[in-house]
Amino acid sequence: EVPVQDVKAFLESTEALVPRGTESGHIDWDLELANLFAN
C-alpha cells in the first residue's frame, strides 16, 4: 500500500525530465547495440 500522492509527485518529476512519448530520444542506441553484440 503506497501513498498515491508520493507516486504522483515522483512521476511528475520524471516527466519534467523526459515527457512520456519522448523516451526513445534519450537512449544511447550506439551503446545499446554495442552491448547487444558484445553479449
All heavy atoms as atom14 arrays in JSON, in Angstrom:
{
  "sequence": "EVPVQDVKAFLESTEALVPRGTESGHIDWDLELANLFAN",
  "atom14_mask": [
    [1, 1, 1, 1, 1, 1, 1, 1, 1, 0, 0, 0, 0, 0],
    [1, 1, 1, 1, 1, 1, 1, 0, 0, 0, 0, 0, 0, 0],
    [1, 1, 1, 1, 1, 1, 1, 0, 0, 0, 0, 0, 0, 0],
    [1, 1, 1, 1, 1, 1, 1, 0, 0, 0, 0, 0, 0, 0],
    [1, 1, 1, 1, 1, 1, 1, 1, 1, 0, 0, 0, 0, 0],
    [1, 1, 1, 1, 1, 1, 1, 1, 0, 0, 0, 0, 0, 0],
    [1, 1, 1, 1, 1, 1, 1, 0, 0, 0, 0, 0, 0, 0],
    [1, 1, 1, 1, 1, 1, 1, 1, 1, 0, 0, 0, 0, 0],
    [1, 1, 1, 1, 1, 0, 0, 0, 0, 0, 0, 0, 0, 0],
    [1, 1, 1, 1, 1, 1, 1, 1, 1, 1, 1, 0, 0, 0],
    [1, 1, 1, 1, 1, 1, 1, 1, 0, 0, 0, 0, 0, 0],
    [1, 1, 1, 1, 1, 1, 1, 1, 1, 0, 0, 0, 0, 0],
    [1, 1, 1, 1, 1, 1, 0, 0, 0, 0, 0, 0, 0, 0],
    [1, 1, 1, 1, 1, 1, 1, 0, 0, 0, 0, 0, 0, 0],
    [1, 1, 1, 1, 1, 1, 1, 1, 1, 0, 0, 0, 0, 0],
    [1, 1, 1, 1, 1, 0, 0, 0, 0, 0, 0, 0, 0, 0],
    [1, 1, 1, 1, 1, 1, 1, 1, 0, 0, 0, 0, 0, 0],
    [1, 1, 1, 1, 1, 1, 1, 0, 0, 0, 0, 0, 0, 0],
    [1, 1, 1, 1, 1, 1, 1, 0, 0, 0, 0, 0, 0, 0],
    [1, 1, 1, 1, 1, 1, 1, 1, 1, 1, 1, 0, 0, 0],
    [1, 1, 1, 1, 0, 0, 0, 0, 0, 0, 0, 0, 0, 0],
    [1, 1, 1, 1, 1, 1, 1, 0, 0, 0, 0, 0, 0, 0],
    [1, 1, 1, 1, 1, 1, 1, 1, 1, 0, 0, 0, 0, 0],
    [1, 1, 1, 1, 1, 1, 0, 0, 0, 0, 0, 0, 0, 0],
    [1, 1, 1, 1, 0, 0, 0, 0, 0, 0, 0, 0, 0, 0],
    [1, 1, 1, 1, 1, 1, 1, 1, 1, 1, 0, 0, 0, 0],
    [1, 1, 1, 1, 1, 1, 1, 1, 0, 0, 0, 0, 0, 0],
    [1, 1, 1, 1, 1, 1, 1, 1, 0, 0, 0, 0, 0, 0],
    [1, 1, 1, 1, 1, 1, 1, 1, 1, 1, 1, 1, 1, 1],
    [1, 1, 1, 1, 1, 1, 1, 1, 0, 0, 0, 0, 0, 0],
    [1, 1, 1, 1, 1, 1, 1, 1, 0, 0, 0, 0, 0, 0],
    [1, 1, 1, 1, 1, 1, 1, 1, 1, 0, 0, 0, 0, 0],
    [1, 1, 1, 1, 1, 1, 1, 1, 0, 0, 0, 0, 0, 0],
    [1, 1, 1, 1, 1, 0, 0, 0, 0, 0, 0, 0, 0, 0],
    [1, 1, 1, 1, 1, 1, 1, 1, 0, 0, 0, 0, 0, 0],
    [1, 1, 1, 1, 1, 1, 1, 1, 0, 0, 0, 0, 0, 0],
    [1, 1, 1, 1, 1, 1, 1, 1, 1, 1, 1, 0, 0, 0],
    [1, 1, 1, 1, 1, 0, 0, 0, 0, 0, 0, 0, 0, 0],
    [1, 1, 1, 1, 1, 1, 1, 1, 0, 0, 0, 0, 0, 0]
  ],
  "atom14_positions": [
    [[0.87, -1.17, 0.0], [0.0, 0.0, 0.0], [0.91, 1.23, 0.0], [1.74, 1.4, 0.88], [-0.89, 0.0, 1.24], [-1.86, 1.14, 1.29], [-2.75, 1.08, 2.51], [-3.32, 0.0, 2.77], [-2.87, 2.11, 3.19], [0.0, 0.0, 0.0], [0.0, 0.0, 0.0], [0.0, 0.0, 0.0], [0.0, 0.0, 0.0], [0.0, 0.0, 0.0]],
    [[0.75, 2.07, -1.02], [1.65, 3.19, -1.25], [0.84, 4.48, -1.32], [-0.19, 4.52, -2.0], [2.41, 2.98, -2.59], [3.4, 4.09, -2.83], [3.09, 1.63, -2.63], [0.0, 0.0, 0.0], [0.0, 0.0, 0.0], [0.0, 0.0, 0.0], [0.0, 0.0, 0.0], [0.0, 0.0, 0.0], [0.0, 0.0, 0.0], [0.0, 0.0, 0.0]],
    [[1.28, 5.55, -0.65], [0.55, 6.83, -0.77], [0.55, 7.31, -2.22], [1.6, 7.5, -2.84], [1.34, 7.79, 0.13], [2.09, 6.9, 1.07], [2.39, 5.64, 0.3], [0.0, 0.0, 0.0], [0.0, 0.0, 0.0], [0.0, 0.0, 0.0], [0.0, 0.0, 0.0], [0.0, 0.0, 0.0], [0.0, 0.0, 0.0], [0.0, 0.0, 0.0]],
    [[-0.64, 7.48, -2.77], [-0.77, 7.83, -4.18], [-0.11, 9.18, -4.49], [0.47, 9.35, -5.58], [-2.25, 7.78, -4.62], [-3.04, 8.95, -4.1], [-2.36, 7.69, -6.13], [0.0, 0.0, 0.0], [0.0, 0.0, 0.0], [0.0, 0.0, 0.0], [0.0, 0.0, 0.0], [0.0, 0.0, 0.0], [0.0, 0.0, 0.0], [0.0, 0.0, 0.0]],
    [[-0.17, 10.13, -3.58], [0.43, 11.44, -3.83], [1.94, 11.36, -4.0], [2.52, 12.12, -4.78], [0.05, 12.43, -2.73], [-1.41, 12.83, -2.75], [-1.82, 13.47, -4.07], [-1.04, 14.05, -4.81], [-3.1, 13.35, -4.38], [0.0, 0.0, 0.0], [0.0, 0.0, 0.0], [0.0, 0.0, 0.0], [0.0, 0.0, 0.0], [0.0, 0.0, 0.0]],
    [[2.6, 10.44, -3.27], [4.04, 10.28, -3.4], [4.42, 9.75, -4.78], [5.37, 10.23, -5.41], [4.59, 9.35, -2.32], [4.51, 9.95, -0.93], [4.33, 11.19, -0.8], [4.64, 9.19, 0.05], [0.0, 0.0, 0.0], [0.0, 0.0, 0.0], [0.0, 0.0, 0.0], [0.0, 0.0, 0.0], [0.0, 0.0, 0.0], [0.0, 0.0, 0.0]],
    [[3.66, 8.78, -5.25], [3.93, 8.22, -6.58], [3.64, 9.27, -7.65], [4.41, 9.44, -8.6], [3.11, 6.93, -6.82], [3.3, 6.43, -8.25], [3.5, 5.87, -5.81], [0.0, 0.0, 0.0], [0.0, 0.0, 0.0], [0.0, 0.0, 0.0], [0.0, 0.0, 0.0], [0.0, 0.0, 0.0], [0.0, 0.0, 0.0], [0.0, 0.0, 0.0]],
    [[2.55, 9.98, -7.49], [2.18, 11.01, -8.45], [3.26, 12.1, -8.53], [3.66, 12.5, -9.63], [0.83, 11.62, -8.07], [0.28, 12.56, -9.08], [-1.12, 13.03, -8.68], [-1.7, 13.89, -9.77], [-3.05, 14.36, -9.44], [0.0, 0.0, 0.0], [0.0, 0.0, 0.0], [0.0, 0.0, 0.0], [0.0, 0.0, 0.0], [0.0, 0.0, 0.0]],
    [[3.75, 12.57, -7.39], [4.8, 13.59, -7.38], [6.08, 13.08, -8.02], [6.74, 13.79, -8.78], [5.06, 14.06, -5.94], [0.0, 0.0, 0.0], [0.0, 0.0, 0.0], [0.0, 0.0, 0.0], [0.0, 0.0, 0.0], [0.0, 0.0, 0.0], [0.0, 0.0, 0.0], [0.0, 0.0, 0.0], [0.0, 0.0, 0.0], [0.0, 0.0, 0.0]],
    [[6.44, 11.83, -7.73], [7.63, 11.23, -8.32], [7.49, 11.18, -9.84], [8.4, 11.59, -10.57], [7.85, 9.83, -7.75], [8.96, 9.08, -8.43], [10.28, 9.36, -8.13], [8.69, 8.12, -9.39], [11.31, 8.68, -8.78], [9.7, 7.44, -10.03], [11.02, 7.72, -9.72], [0.0, 0.0, 0.0], [0.0, 0.0, 0.0], [0.0, 0.0, 0.0]],
    [[6.36, 10.69, -10.33], [6.16, 10.58, -11.78], [6.15, 11.95, -12.45], [6.67, 12.1, -13.56], [4.88, 9.81, -12.09], [4.95, 8.31, -11.78], [3.58, 7.67, -11.96], [5.99, 7.62, -12.64], [0.0, 0.0, 0.0], [0.0, 0.0, 0.0], [0.0, 0.0, 0.0], [0.0, 0.0, 0.0], [0.0, 0.0, 0.0], [0.0, 0.0, 0.0]],
    [[5.58, 12.95, -11.8], [5.61, 14.31, -12.37], [7.04, 14.8, -12.51], [7.38, 15.45, -13.51], [4.78, 15.25, -11.5], [3.29, 15.03, -11.63], [2.46, 15.82, -10.62], [3.03, 16.48, -9.72], [1.21, 15.77, -10.73], [0.0, 0.0, 0.0], [0.0, 0.0, 0.0], [0.0, 0.0, 0.0], [0.0, 0.0, 0.0], [0.0, 0.0, 0.0]],
    [[7.89, 14.48, -11.54], [9.31, 14.87, -11.63], [10.01, 14.16, -12.78], [10.83, 14.75, -13.48], [10.03, 14.58, -10.32], [9.5, 15.36, -9.28], [0.0, 0.0, 0.0], [0.0, 0.0, 0.0], [0.0, 0.0, 0.0], [0.0, 0.0, 0.0], [0.0, 0.0, 0.0], [0.0, 0.0, 0.0], [0.0, 0.0, 0.0], [0.0, 0.0, 0.0]],
    [[9.68, 12.87, -13.0], [10.32, 12.15, -14.1], [9.86, 12.69, -15.44], [10.65, 12.81, -16.38], [10.04, 10.63, -14.04], [8.68, 10.35, -14.35], [10.42, 10.05, -12.7], [0.0, 0.0, 0.0], [0.0, 0.0, 0.0], [0.0, 0.0, 0.0], [0.0, 0.0, 0.0], [0.0, 0.0, 0.0], [0.0, 0.0, 0.0], [0.0, 0.0, 0.0]],
    [[8.56, 13.03, -15.52], [8.02, 13.53, -16.78], [8.48, 14.95, -17.09], [8.5, 15.35, -18.26], [6.5, 13.42, -16.78], [6.05, 11.96, -16.84], [4.56, 11.77, -16.77], [3.8, 12.71, -17.07], [4.14, 10.64, -16.42], [0.0, 0.0, 0.0], [0.0, 0.0, 0.0], [0.0, 0.0, 0.0], [0.0, 0.0, 0.0], [0.0, 0.0, 0.0]],
    [[8.91, 15.69, -16.07], [9.5, 17.01, -16.32], [10.86, 16.85, -17.02], [11.25, 17.7, -17.81], [9.66, 17.77, -15.0], [0.0, 0.0, 0.0], [0.0, 0.0, 0.0], [0.0, 0.0, 0.0], [0.0, 0.0, 0.0], [0.0, 0.0, 0.0], [0.0, 0.0, 0.0], [0.0, 0.0, 0.0], [0.0, 0.0, 0.0], [0.0, 0.0, 0.0]],
    [[11.56, 15.75, -16.73], [12.84, 15.48, -17.4], [12.65, 14.82, -18.75], [13.3, 15.19, -19.74], [13.71, 14.56, -16.53], [14.28, 15.14, -15.26], [15.07, 14.07, -14.53], [15.16, 16.33, -15.56], [0.0, 0.0, 0.0], [0.0, 0.0, 0.0], [0.0, 0.0, 0.0], [0.0, 0.0, 0.0], [0.0, 0.0, 0.0], [0.0, 0.0, 0.0]],
    [[11.8, 13.81, -18.79], [11.57, 13.04, -20.0], [10.05, 12.88, -20.15], [9.45, 12.01, -19.53], [12.25, 11.65, -19.94], [11.97, 10.87, -21.23], [13.74, 11.77, -19.7], [0.0, 0.0, 0.0], [0.0, 0.0, 0.0], [0.0, 0.0, 0.0], [0.0, 0.0, 0.0], [0.0, 0.0, 0.0], [0.0, 0.0, 0.0], [0.0, 0.0, 0.0]],
    [[9.42, 13.73, -20.96], [7.97, 13.6, -21.15], [7.62, 12.23, -21.74], [8.38, 11.67, -22.54], [7.63, 14.72, -22.13], [8.75, 15.71, -21.96], [9.97, 14.89, -21.66], [0.0, 0.0, 0.0], [0.0, 0.0, 0.0], [0.0, 0.0, 0.0], [0.0, 0.0, 0.0], [0.0, 0.0, 0.0], [0.0, 0.0, 0.0], [0.0, 0.0, 0.0]],
    [[6.46, 11.7, -21.33], [6.0, 10.43, -21.89], [5.88, 10.58, -23.4], [5.43, 11.59, -23.91], [4.66, 10.04, -21.3], [4.81, 9.47, -19.89], [3.5, 9.11, -19.28], [3.06, 7.79, -19.76], [1.95, 7.2, -19.34], [1.17, 7.8, -18.46], [1.62, 6.02, -19.8], [0.0, 0.0, 0.0], [0.0, 0.0, 0.0], [0.0, 0.0, 0.0]],
    [[6.35, 9.57, -24.1], [6.33, 9.58, -25.56], [7.65, 10.01, -26.18], [7.85, 9.85, -27.37], [0.0, 0.0, 0.0], [0.0, 0.0, 0.0], [0.0, 0.0, 0.0], [0.0, 0.0, 0.0], [0.0, 0.0, 0.0], [0.0, 0.0, 0.0], [0.0, 0.0, 0.0], [0.0, 0.0, 0.0], [0.0, 0.0, 0.0], [0.0, 0.0, 0.0]],
    [[8.57, 10.57, -25.36], [9.87, 11.01, -25.89], [11.02, 10.14, -25.4], [12.18, 10.48, -25.61], [10.16, 12.48, -25.51], [10.36, 12.56, -24.09], [9.02, 13.4, -25.94], [0.0, 0.0, 0.0], [0.0, 0.0, 0.0], [0.0, 0.0, 0.0], [0.0, 0.0, 0.0], [0.0, 0.0, 0.0], [0.0, 0.0, 0.0], [0.0, 0.0, 0.0]],
    [[10.71, 9.02, -24.75], [11.73, 8.19, -24.11], [12.82, 7.72, -25.08], [14.0, 7.75, -24.75], [11.09, 6.96, -23.44], [10.22, 7.28, -22.26], [8.76, 7.51, -22.61], [8.43, 7.64, -23.81], [7.95, 7.56, -21.68], [0.0, 0.0, 0.0], [0.0, 0.0, 0.0], [0.0, 0.0, 0.0], [0.0, 0.0, 0.0], [0.0, 0.0, 0.0]],
    [[12.43, 7.3, -26.28], [13.42, 6.73, -27.21], [14.49, 7.73, -27.61], [15.61, 7.34, -27.95], [12.73, 6.17, -28.44], [12.13, 7.2, -29.19], [0.0, 0.0, 0.0], [0.0, 0.0, 0.0], [0.0, 0.0, 0.0], [0.0, 0.0, 0.0], [0.0, 0.0, 0.0], [0.0, 0.0, 0.0], [0.0, 0.0, 0.0], [0.0, 0.0, 0.0]],
    [[14.2, 9.01, -27.54], [15.19, 10.02, -27.86], [16.26, 10.19, -26.79], [17.26, 10.87, -27.01], [0.0, 0.0, 0.0], [0.0, 0.0, 0.0], [0.0, 0.0, 0.0], [0.0, 0.0, 0.0], [0.0, 0.0, 0.0], [0.0, 0.0, 0.0], [0.0, 0.0, 0.0], [0.0, 0.0, 0.0], [0.0, 0.0, 0.0], [0.0, 0.0, 0.0]],
    [[16.1, 9.52, -25.63], [17.06, 9.63, -24.53], [17.93, 8.38, -24.4], [18.72, 8.28, -23.47], [16.33, 9.9, -23.22], [15.65, 11.23, -23.22], [16.28, 12.38, -22.83], [14.41, 11.59, -23.58], [15.45, 13.4, -22.95], [14.3, 12.95, -23.41], [0.0, 0.0, 0.0], [0.0, 0.0, 0.0], [0.0, 0.0, 0.0], [0.0, 0.0, 0.0]],
    [[17.76, 7.44, -25.31], [18.55, 6.21, -25.27], [19.76, 6.36, -26.17], [19.67, 6.84, -27.29], [17.68, 5.01, -25.72], [16.54, 4.81, -24.72], [18.53, 3.75, -25.85], [15.54, 3.75, -25.13], [0.0, 0.0, 0.0], [0.0, 0.0, 0.0], [0.0, 0.0, 0.0], [0.0, 0.0, 0.0], [0.0, 0.0, 0.0], [0.0, 0.0, 0.0]],
    [[20.91, 5.93, -25.67], [22.14, 5.91, -26.46], [22.12, 4.62, -27.27], [22.56, 3.56, -26.81], [23.37, 5.97, -25.54], [24.67, 6.03, -26.31], [24.7, 5.68, -27.51], [25.68, 6.44, -25.7], [0.0, 0.0, 0.0], [0.0, 0.0, 0.0], [0.0, 0.0, 0.0], [0.0, 0.0, 0.0], [0.0, 0.0, 0.0], [0.0, 0.0, 0.0]],
    [[21.57, 4.68, -28.49], [21.38, 3.49, -29.3], [22.69, 2.84, -29.71], [22.78, 1.61, -29.82], [20.52, 3.81, -30.52], [19.11, 4.13, -30.12], [18.5, 5.35, -30.13], [18.13, 3.22, -29.62], [17.21, 5.26, -29.66], [16.95, 3.96, -29.34], [18.13, 1.85, -29.36], [15.8, 3.37, -28.82], [16.96, 1.27, -28.85], [15.83, 2.03, -28.6]],
    [[23.74, 3.64, -29.93], [25.04, 3.06, -30.29], [25.56, 2.2, -29.14], [26.07, 1.09, -29.36], [26.05, 4.16, -30.62], [25.71, 4.88, -31.91], [25.05, 4.27, -32.79], [26.09, 6.07, -32.04], [0.0, 0.0, 0.0], [0.0, 0.0, 0.0], [0.0, 0.0, 0.0], [0.0, 0.0, 0.0], [0.0, 0.0, 0.0], [0.0, 0.0, 0.0]],
    [[25.43, 2.68, -27.91], [25.86, 1.92, -26.74], [25.01, 0.66, -26.58], [25.55, -0.43, -26.29], [25.78, 2.79, -25.47], [26.15, 2.11, -24.17], [27.61, 1.64, -24.21], [25.91, 3.05, -23.0], [0.0, 0.0, 0.0], [0.0, 0.0, 0.0], [0.0, 0.0, 0.0], [0.0, 0.0, 0.0], [0.0, 0.0, 0.0], [0.0, 0.0, 0.0]],
    [[23.71, 0.77, -26.78], [22.83, -0.4, -26.66], [23.2, -1.47, -27.69], [23.23, -2.65, -27.36], [21.36, 0.01, -26.81], [20.84, 0.87, -25.68], [20.87, 0.19, -24.34], [20.61, -1.04, -24.26], [21.16, 0.88, -23.35], [0.0, 0.0, 0.0], [0.0, 0.0, 0.0], [0.0, 0.0, 0.0], [0.0, 0.0, 0.0], [0.0, 0.0, 0.0]],
    [[23.46, -1.05, -28.92], [23.86, -2.01, -29.96], [25.2, -2.65, -29.63], [25.38, -3.86, -29.81], [23.9, -1.35, -31.33], [22.54, -1.09, -31.97], [22.7, -0.24, -33.23], [21.87, -2.4, -32.3], [0.0, 0.0, 0.0], [0.0, 0.0, 0.0], [0.0, 0.0, 0.0], [0.0, 0.0, 0.0], [0.0, 0.0, 0.0], [0.0, 0.0, 0.0]],
    [[26.14, -1.85, -29.16], [27.45, -2.39, -28.78], [27.3, -3.43, -27.67], [27.94, -4.49, -27.72], [28.37, -1.26, -28.34], [0.0, 0.0, 0.0], [0.0, 0.0, 0.0], [0.0, 0.0, 0.0], [0.0, 0.0, 0.0], [0.0, 0.0, 0.0], [0.0, 0.0, 0.0], [0.0, 0.0, 0.0], [0.0, 0.0, 0.0], [0.0, 0.0, 0.0]],
    [[26.45, -3.16, -26.68], [26.22, -4.13, -25.6], [25.54, -5.39, -26.12], [25.88, -6.49, -25.69], [25.37, -3.49, -24.49], [26.14, -2.48, -23.68], [27.36, -2.53, -23.58], [25.41, -1.54, -23.09], [0.0, 0.0, 0.0], [0.0, 0.0, 0.0], [0.0, 0.0, 0.0], [0.0, 0.0, 0.0], [0.0, 0.0, 0.0], [0.0, 0.0, 0.0]],
    [[24.62, -5.22, -27.02], [23.91, -6.36, -27.59], [24.87, -7.29, -28.34], [24.87, -8.5, -28.15], [22.8, -5.88, -28.52], [21.95, -6.95, -29.18], [21.15, -7.72, -28.16], [21.03, -6.32, -30.21], [0.0, 0.0, 0.0], [0.0, 0.0, 0.0], [0.0, 0.0, 0.0], [0.0, 0.0, 0.0], [0.0, 0.0, 0.0], [0.0, 0.0, 0.0]],
    [[25.73, -6.71, -29.17], [26.68, -7.51, -29.95], [27.77, -8.08, -29.07], [28.27, -9.18, -29.33], [27.26, -6.7, -31.1], [26.26, -6.41, -32.18], [26.04, -5.12, -32.63], [25.51, -7.43, -32.76], [25.11, -4.86, -33.63], [24.58, -7.19, -33.76], [24.39, -5.89, -34.19], [0.0, 0.0, 0.0], [0.0, 0.0, 0.0], [0.0, 0.0, 0.0]],
    [[28.16, -7.39, -28.02], [29.19, -7.9, -27.12], [28.7, -9.1, -26.32], [29.49, -9.98, -25.98], [29.65, -6.8, -26.16], [0.0, 0.0, 0.0], [0.0, 0.0, 0.0], [0.0, 0.0, 0.0], [0.0, 0.0, 0.0], [0.0, 0.0, 0.0], [0.0, 0.0, 0.0], [0.0, 0.0, 0.0], [0.0, 0.0, 0.0], [0.0, 0.0, 0.0]],
    [[27.4, -9.16, -26.06], [26.85, -10.27, -25.26], [26.34, -11.41, -26.13], [25.73, -12.34, -25.62], [25.74, -9.73, -24.35], [26.28, -8.8, -23.3], [27.38, -9.0, -22.8], [25.52, -7.77, -22.97], [0.0, 0.0, 0.0], [0.0, 0.0, 0.0], [0.0, 0.0, 0.0], [0.0, 0.0, 0.0], [0.0, 0.0, 0.0], [0.0, 0.0, 0.0]]
  ]
}
